[in-house]
PDB file of N, CA and C in Angstrom:
ATOM      1  N   LEU A   1     153.833  58.174 -66.816  1.00  0.00           N
ATOM      2  CA  LEU A   1     154.098  56.807 -66.404  1.00  0.00           C
ATOM      3  C   LEU A   1     153.006  55.905 -66.982  1.00  0.00           C
ATOM      4  N   ASN A   2     153.436  54.871 -67.681  1.00  0.00           N
ATOM      5  CA  ASN A   2     152.500  53.839 -68.099  1.00  0.00           C
ATOM      6  C   ASN A   2     152.391  52.871 -66.926  1.00  0.00           C
ATOM      7  N   LYS A   3     151.235  52.829 -66.290  1.00  0.00           N
ATOM      8  CA  LYS A   3     151.062  51.998 -65.096  1.00  0.00           C
ATOM      9  C   LYS A   3     151.218  50.511 -65.396  1.00  0.00           C
ATOM     10  N   ARG A   4     150.887  50.119 -66.610  1.00  0.00           N
ATOM     11  CA  ARG A   4     150.977  48.705 -66.978  1.00  0.00           C
ATOM     12  C   ARG A   4     152.430  48.275 -67.162  1.00  0.00           C
ATOM     13  N   THR A   5     153.216  49.054 -67.920  1.00  0.00           N
ATOM     14  CA  THR A   5     154.600  48.692 -68.219  1.00  0.00           C
ATOM     15  C   THR A   5     155.608  49.314 -67.261  1.00  0.00           C
ATOM     16  N   ARG A   6     155.184  50.321 -66.495  1.00  0.00           N
ATOM     17  CA  ARG A   6     156.037  51.071 -65.577  1.00  0.00           C
ATOM     18  C   ARG A   6     157.094  51.901 -66.305  1.00  0.00           C
ATOM     19  N   HIS A   7     156.917  52.114 -67.598  1.00  0.00           N
ATOM     20  CA  HIS A   7     157.852  52.941 -68.365  1.00  0.00           C
ATOM     21  C   HIS A   7     157.456  54.408 -68.211  1.00  0.00           C
ATOM     22  N   GLU A   8     158.452  55.225 -67.912  1.00  0.00           N
ATOM     23  CA  GLU A   8     158.214  56.659 -67.781  1.00  0.00           C
ATOM     24  C   GLU A   8     158.556  57.358 -69.087  1.00  0.00           C
ATOM     25  N   TYR A   9     157.721  58.306 -69.464  1.00  0.00           N
ATOM     26  CA  TYR A   9     157.923  59.093 -70.674  1.00  0.00           C
ATOM     27  C   TYR A   9     158.016  60.568 -70.322  1.00  0.00           C
ATOM     28  N   VAL A  10     158.772  61.278 -71.113  1.00  0.00           N
ATOM     29  CA  VAL A  10     158.734  62.737 -71.106  1.00  0.00           C
ATOM     30  C   VAL A  10     157.815  63.102 -72.256  1.00  0.00           C
ATOM     31  N   TRP A  11     156.777  63.861 -71.972  1.00  0.00           N
ATOM     32  CA  TRP A  11     155.823  64.265 -73.000  1.00  0.00           C
ATOM     33  C   TRP A  11     155.987  65.751 -73.224  1.00  0.00           C
ATOM     34  N   GLU A  12     156.411  66.116 -74.423  1.00  0.00           N
ATOM     35  CA  GLU A  12     156.638  67.519 -74.757  1.00  0.00           C
ATOM     36  C   GLU A  12     155.617  67.974 -75.790  1.00  0.00           C
ATOM     37  N   HIS A  13     155.071  69.135 -75.523  1.00  0.00           N
ATOM     38  CA  HIS A  13     154.190  69.775 -76.496  1.00  0.00           C
ATOM     39  C   HIS A  13     154.839  71.092 -76.890  1.00  0.00           C
ATOM     40  N   PHE A  14     155.201  71.196 -78.143  1.00  0.00           N
ATOM     41  CA  PHE A  14     155.825  72.409 -78.661  1.00  0.00           C
ATOM     42  C   PHE A  14     154.751  73.201 -79.397  1.00  0.00           C
ATOM     43  N   GLY A  15     154.314  74.291 -78.789  1.00  0.00           N
ATOM     44  CA  GLY A  15     153.124  74.968 -79.253  1.00  0.00           C
ATOM     45  C   GLY A  15     153.311  76.229 -80.070  1.00  0.00           C
ATOM     46  N   MET A  16     154.533  76.664 -80.271  1.00  0.00           N
ATOM     47  CA  MET A  16     154.729  77.914 -81.023  1.00  0.00           C
ATOM     48  C   MET A  16     155.825  77.722 -82.069  1.00  0.00           C
ATOM     49  N   MET A  17     155.695  76.694 -82.862  1.00  0.00           N
ATOM     50  CA  MET A  17     156.764  76.332 -83.775  1.00  0.00           C
ATOM     51  C   MET A  17     157.003  77.353 -84.886  1.00  0.00           C
ATOM     52  N   ASP A  18     156.117  78.304 -85.059  1.00  0.00           N
ATOM     53  CA  ASP A  18     156.356  79.333 -86.070  1.00  0.00           C
ATOM     54  C   ASP A  18     157.093  80.546 -85.498  1.00  0.00           C
ATOM     55  N   ASN A  19     157.452  80.488 -84.212  1.00  0.00           N
ATOM     56  CA  ASN A  19     158.247  81.533 -83.579  1.00  0.00           C
ATOM     57  C   ASN A  19     159.711  81.085 -83.627  1.00  0.00           C
ATOM     58  N   GLU A  20     160.552  81.850 -84.297  1.00  0.00           N
ATOM     59  CA  GLU A  20     161.935  81.431 -84.540  1.00  0.00           C
ATOM     60  C   GLU A  20     162.727  81.206 -83.256  1.00  0.00           C
ATOM     61  N   ASP A  21     162.591  82.089 -82.274  1.00  0.00           N
ATOM     62  CA  ASP A  21     163.311  81.910 -81.006  1.00  0.00           C
ATOM     63  C   ASP A  21     162.844  80.648 -80.283  1.00  0.00           C
ATOM     64  N   TYR A  22     161.543  80.430 -80.277  1.00  0.00           N
ATOM     65  CA  TYR A  22     160.974  79.242 -79.647  1.00  0.00           C
ATOM     66  C   TYR A  22     161.477  77.992 -80.364  1.00  0.00           C
ATOM     67  N   TYR A  23     161.452  78.005 -81.682  1.00  0.00           N
ATOM     68  CA  TYR A  23     161.910  76.874 -82.490  1.00  0.00           C
ATOM     69  C   TYR A  23     163.367  76.531 -82.171  1.00  0.00           C
ATOM     70  N   ASN A  24     164.211  77.542 -82.083  1.00  0.00           N
ATOM     71  CA  ASN A  24     165.616  77.300 -81.760  1.00  0.00           C
ATOM     72  C   ASN A  24     165.780  76.731 -80.356  1.00  0.00           C
ATOM     73  N   ALA A  25     164.939  77.171 -79.424  1.00  0.00           N
ATOM     74  CA  ALA A  25     164.967  76.610 -78.070  1.00  0.00           C
ATOM     75  C   ALA A  25     164.528  75.145 -78.087  1.00  0.00           C
ATOM     76  N   VAL A  26     163.566  74.823 -78.922  1.00  0.00           N
ATOM     77  CA  VAL A  26     163.122  73.431 -79.069  1.00  0.00           C
ATOM     78  C   VAL A  26     164.278  72.566 -79.543  1.00  0.00           C
ATOM     79  N   LEU A  27     165.030  73.033 -80.527  1.00  0.00           N
ATOM     80  CA  LEU A  27     166.158  72.252 -81.034  1.00  0.00           C
ATOM     81  C   LEU A  27     167.194  72.009 -79.936  1.00  0.00           C
ATOM     82  N   ARG A  28     167.454  73.013 -79.126  1.00  0.00           N
ATOM     83  CA  ARG A  28     168.392  72.836 -78.010  1.00  0.00           C
ATOM     84  C   ARG A  28     167.857  71.821 -77.003  1.00  0.00           C
ATOM     85  N   LYS A  29     166.553  71.852 -76.746  1.00  0.00           N
ATOM     86  CA  LYS A  29     165.950  70.906 -75.810  1.00  0.00           C
ATOM     87  C   LYS A  29     166.035  69.482 -76.356  1.00  0.00           C
ATOM     88  N   LEU A  30     165.791  69.308 -77.639  1.00  0.00           N
ATOM     89  CA  LEU A  30     165.890  67.977 -78.238  1.00  0.00           C
ATOM     90  C   LEU A  30     167.317  67.453 -78.145  1.00  0.00           C
ATOM     91  N   ASP A  31     168.296  68.315 -78.386  1.00  0.00           N
ATOM     92  CA  ASP A  31     169.700  67.924 -78.230  1.00  0.00           C
ATOM     93  C   ASP A  31     169.983  67.498 -76.794  1.00  0.00           C
ATOM     94  N   ALA A  32     169.439  68.228 -75.826  1.00  0.00           N
ATOM     95  CA  ALA A  32     169.650  67.899 -74.412  1.00  0.00           C
ATOM     96  C   ALA A  32     169.058  66.531 -74.071  1.00  0.00           C
ATOM     97  N   PHE A  33     167.888  66.229 -74.597  1.00  0.00           N
ATOM     98  CA  PHE A  33     167.307  64.904 -74.380  1.00  0.00           C
ATOM     99  C   PHE A  33     168.271  63.829 -74.866  1.00  0.00           C
ATOM    100  N   GLU A  34     168.743  63.989 -76.094  1.00  0.00           N
ATOM    101  CA  GLU A  34     169.618  62.980 -76.692  1.00  0.00           C
ATOM    102  C   GLU A  34     170.937  62.869 -75.925  1.00  0.00           C
ATOM    103  N   MET A  35     171.473  63.983 -75.450  1.00  0.00           N
ATOM    104  CA  MET A  35     172.719  63.953 -74.690  1.00  0.00           C
ATOM    105  C   MET A  35     172.538  63.229 -73.358  1.00  0.00           C
ATOM    106  N   ASN A  36     171.308  63.125 -72.899  1.00  0.00           N
ATOM    107  CA  ASN A  36     170.991  62.427 -71.651  1.00  0.00           C
ATOM    108  C   ASN A  36     170.363  61.062 -71.891  1.00  0.00           C
ATOM    109  N   GLN A  37     170.622  60.506 -73.072  1.00  0.00           N
ATOM    110  CA  GLN A  37     170.153  59.169 -73.455  1.00  0.00           C
ATOM    111  C   GLN A  37     168.639  59.012 -73.432  1.00  0.00           C
ATOM    112  N   LEU A  38     167.912  60.115 -73.621  1.00  0.00           N
ATOM    113  CA  LEU A  38     166.461  60.061 -73.767  1.00  0.00           C
ATOM    114  C   LEU A  38     166.158  60.117 -75.256  1.00  0.00           C
ATOM    115  N   LEU A  39     165.699  59.011 -75.792  1.00  0.00           N
ATOM    116  CA  LEU A  39     165.473  58.919 -77.230  1.00  0.00           C
ATOM    117  C   LEU A  39     164.040  59.276 -77.592  1.00  0.00           C
ATOM    118  N   ILE A  40     163.926  60.049 -78.632  1.00  0.00           N
ATOM    119  CA  ILE A  40     162.610  60.442 -79.134  1.00  0.00           C
ATOM    120  C   ILE A  40     161.932  59.203 -79.707  1.00  0.00           C
ATOM    121  N   GLY A  41     160.713  58.970 -79.282  1.00  0.00           N
ATOM    122  CA  GLY A  41     159.969  57.796 -79.709  1.00  0.00           C
ATOM    123  C   GLY A  41     160.066  56.640 -78.730  1.00  0.00           C
ATOM    124  N   ARG A  42     161.127  56.616 -77.948  1.00  0.00           N
ATOM    125  CA  ARG A  42     161.257  55.591 -76.912  1.00  0.00           C
ATOM    126  C   ARG A  42     160.971  56.180 -75.538  1.00  0.00           C
ATOM    127  N   ASP A  43     161.587  57.318 -75.252  1.00  0.00           N
ATOM    128  CA  ASP A  43     161.462  57.948 -73.948  1.00  0.00           C
ATOM    129  C   ASP A  43     160.745  59.291 -74.006  1.00  0.00           C
ATOM    130  N   VAL A  44     160.818  59.934 -75.141  1.00  0.00           N
ATOM    131  CA  VAL A  44     160.261  61.281 -75.308  1.00  0.00           C
ATOM    132  C   VAL A  44     159.159  61.234 -76.360  1.00  0.00           C
ATOM    133  N   LEU A  45     157.987  61.687 -75.985  1.00  0.00           N
ATOM    134  CA  LEU A  45     156.851  61.778 -76.891  1.00  0.00           C
ATOM    135  C   LEU A  45     156.666  63.245 -77.255  1.00  0.00           C
ATOM    136  N   LEU A  46     156.510  63.524 -78.535  1.00  0.00           N
ATOM    137  CA  LEU A  46     156.442  64.905 -79.010  1.00  0.00           C
ATOM    138  C   LEU A  46     155.127  65.198 -79.701  1.00  0.00           C
ATOM    139  N   LEU A  47     154.581  66.344 -79.384  1.00  0.00           N
ATOM    140  CA  LEU A  47     153.471  66.922 -80.125  1.00  0.00           C
ATOM    141  C   LEU A  47     153.878  68.345 -80.475  1.00  0.00           C
ATOM    142  N   HIS A  48     153.352  68.847 -81.552  1.00  0.00           N
ATOM    143  CA  HIS A  48     153.728  70.199 -81.971  1.00  0.00           C
ATOM    144  C   HIS A  48     152.557  70.865 -82.679  1.00  0.00           C
ATOM    145  N   GLU A  49     152.646  72.181 -82.719  1.00  0.00           N
ATOM    146  CA  GLU A  49     151.662  72.951 -83.463  1.00  0.00           C
ATOM    147  C   GLU A  49     152.231  74.331 -83.757  1.00  0.00           C
ATOM    148  N   SER A  50     151.591  74.979 -84.695  1.00  0.00           N
ATOM    149  CA  SER A  50     151.926  76.360 -85.043  1.00  0.00           C
ATOM    150  C   SER A  50     150.617  77.067 -85.349  1.00  0.00           C
ATOM    151  N   SER A  51     150.704  78.323 -85.681  1.00  0.00           N
ATOM    152  CA  SER A  51     149.479  79.060 -85.987  1.00  0.00           C
ATOM    153  C   SER A  51     148.794  78.514 -87.234  1.00  0.00           C
ATOM    154  N   SER A  52     149.551  77.938 -88.146  1.00  0.00           N
ATOM    155  CA  SER A  52     148.952  77.403 -89.371  1.00  0.00           C
ATOM    156  C   SER A  52     148.696  75.903 -89.312  1.00  0.00           C
ATOM    157  N   ALA A  53     149.204  75.233 -88.274  1.00  0.00           N
ATOM    158  CA  ALA A  53     149.008  73.785 -88.132  1.00  0.00           C
ATOM    159  C   ALA A  53     148.660  73.488 -86.675  1.00  0.00           C
ATOM    160  N   PRO A  54     147.375  73.537 -86.331  1.00  0.00           N
ATOM    161  CA  PRO A  54     146.967  73.322 -84.935  1.00  0.00           C
ATOM    162  C   PRO A  54     147.212  71.886 -84.482  1.00  0.00           C
ATOM    163  N   LEU A  55     147.180  71.706 -83.183  1.00  0.00           N
ATOM    164  CA  LEU A  55     147.352  70.389 -82.592  1.00  0.00           C
ATOM    165  C   LEU A  55     146.329  69.415 -83.164  1.00  0.00           C
ATOM    166  N   ASN A  56     146.806  68.259 -83.574  1.00  0.00           N
ATOM    167  CA  ASN A  56     145.941  67.213 -84.105  1.00  0.00           C
ATOM    168  C   ASN A  56     145.528  66.315 -82.938  1.00  0.00           C
ATOM    169  N   THR A  57     144.281  66.452 -82.512  1.00  0.00           N
ATOM    170  CA  THR A  57     143.832  65.698 -81.339  1.00  0.00           C
ATOM    171  C   THR A  57     143.722  64.201 -81.627  1.00  0.00           C
ATOM    172  N   ARG A  58     143.597  63.816 -82.871  1.00  0.00           N
ATOM    173  CA  ARG A  58     143.602  62.383 -83.199  1.00  0.00           C
ATOM    174  C   ARG A  58     144.971  61.777 -82.914  1.00  0.00           C
ATOM    175  N   VAL A  59     146.009  62.524 -83.236  1.00  0.00           N
ATOM    176  CA  VAL A  59     147.362  62.056 -82.929  1.00  0.00           C
ATOM    177  C   VAL A  59     147.544  61.983 -81.418  1.00  0.00           C
ATOM    178  N   LEU A  60     147.053  62.974 -80.710  1.00  0.00           N
ATOM    179  CA  LEU A  60     147.100  62.969 -79.252  1.00  0.00           C
ATOM    180  C   LEU A  60     146.441  61.712 -78.701  1.00  0.00           C
ATOM    181  N   ASP A  61     145.261  61.377 -79.185  1.00  0.00           N
ATOM    182  CA  ASP A  61     144.564  60.166 -78.744  1.00  0.00           C
ATOM    183  C   ASP A  61     145.374  58.914 -79.056  1.00  0.00           C
ATOM    184  N   CYS A  62     146.020  58.881 -80.216  1.00  0.00           N
ATOM    185  CA  CYS A  62     146.856  57.735 -80.588  1.00  0.00           C
ATOM    186  C   CYS A  62     148.027  57.575 -79.618  1.00  0.00           C
ATOM    187  N   TYR A  63     148.666  58.678 -79.268  1.00  0.00           N
ATOM    188  CA  TYR A  63     149.767  58.626 -78.303  1.00  0.00           C
ATOM    189  C   TYR A  63     149.284  58.070 -76.968  1.00  0.00           C
ATOM    190  N   ILE A  64     148.148  58.535 -76.503  1.00  0.00           N
ATOM    191  CA  ILE A  64     147.612  58.064 -75.229  1.00  0.00           C
ATOM    192  C   ILE A  64     147.362  56.559 -75.280  1.00  0.00           C
ATOM    193  N   GLN A  65     146.704  56.107 -76.330  1.00  0.00           N
ATOM    194  CA  GLN A  65     146.385  54.687 -76.460  1.00  0.00           C
ATOM    195  C   GLN A  65     147.645  53.825 -76.600  1.00  0.00           C
ATOM    196  N   GLU A  66     148.601  54.303 -77.377  1.00  0.00           N
ATOM    197  CA  GLU A  66     149.809  53.520 -77.645  1.00  0.00           C
ATOM    198  C   GLU A  66     150.764  53.475 -76.463  1.00  0.00           C
ATOM    199  N   TYR A  67     150.934  54.593 -75.776  1.00  0.00           N
ATOM    200  CA  TYR A  67     151.987  54.681 -74.776  1.00  0.00           C
ATOM    201  C   TYR A  67     151.523  54.719 -73.326  1.00  0.00           C
ATOM    202  N   LEU A  68     150.304  55.103 -73.077  1.00  0.00           N
ATOM    203  CA  LEU A  68     149.896  55.325 -71.695  1.00  0.00           C
ATOM    204  C   LEU A  68     148.806  54.391 -71.186  1.00  0.00           C
ATOM    205  N   VAL A  69     148.127  53.700 -72.068  1.00  0.00           N
ATOM    206  CA  VAL A  69     147.043  52.811 -71.628  1.00  0.00           C
ATOM    207  C   VAL A  69     147.528  51.369 -71.600  1.00  0.00           C
TER     208      VAL A  69
END
């Protein structure tokens, strides 16, 4: 919840994107968001990582500043 704007976000962190089963589950979850009128970038904030691409904490900080402060 952004206390200033009162907009609620779903924040998803997908942490095992190099796992095929996990990746396929992520795609199903993204479809479910869209089927429920939750748009990525408007209502759903996404972060992701894999064993070869760790979480970028600078991006995390940007999301916090842009959407939650």
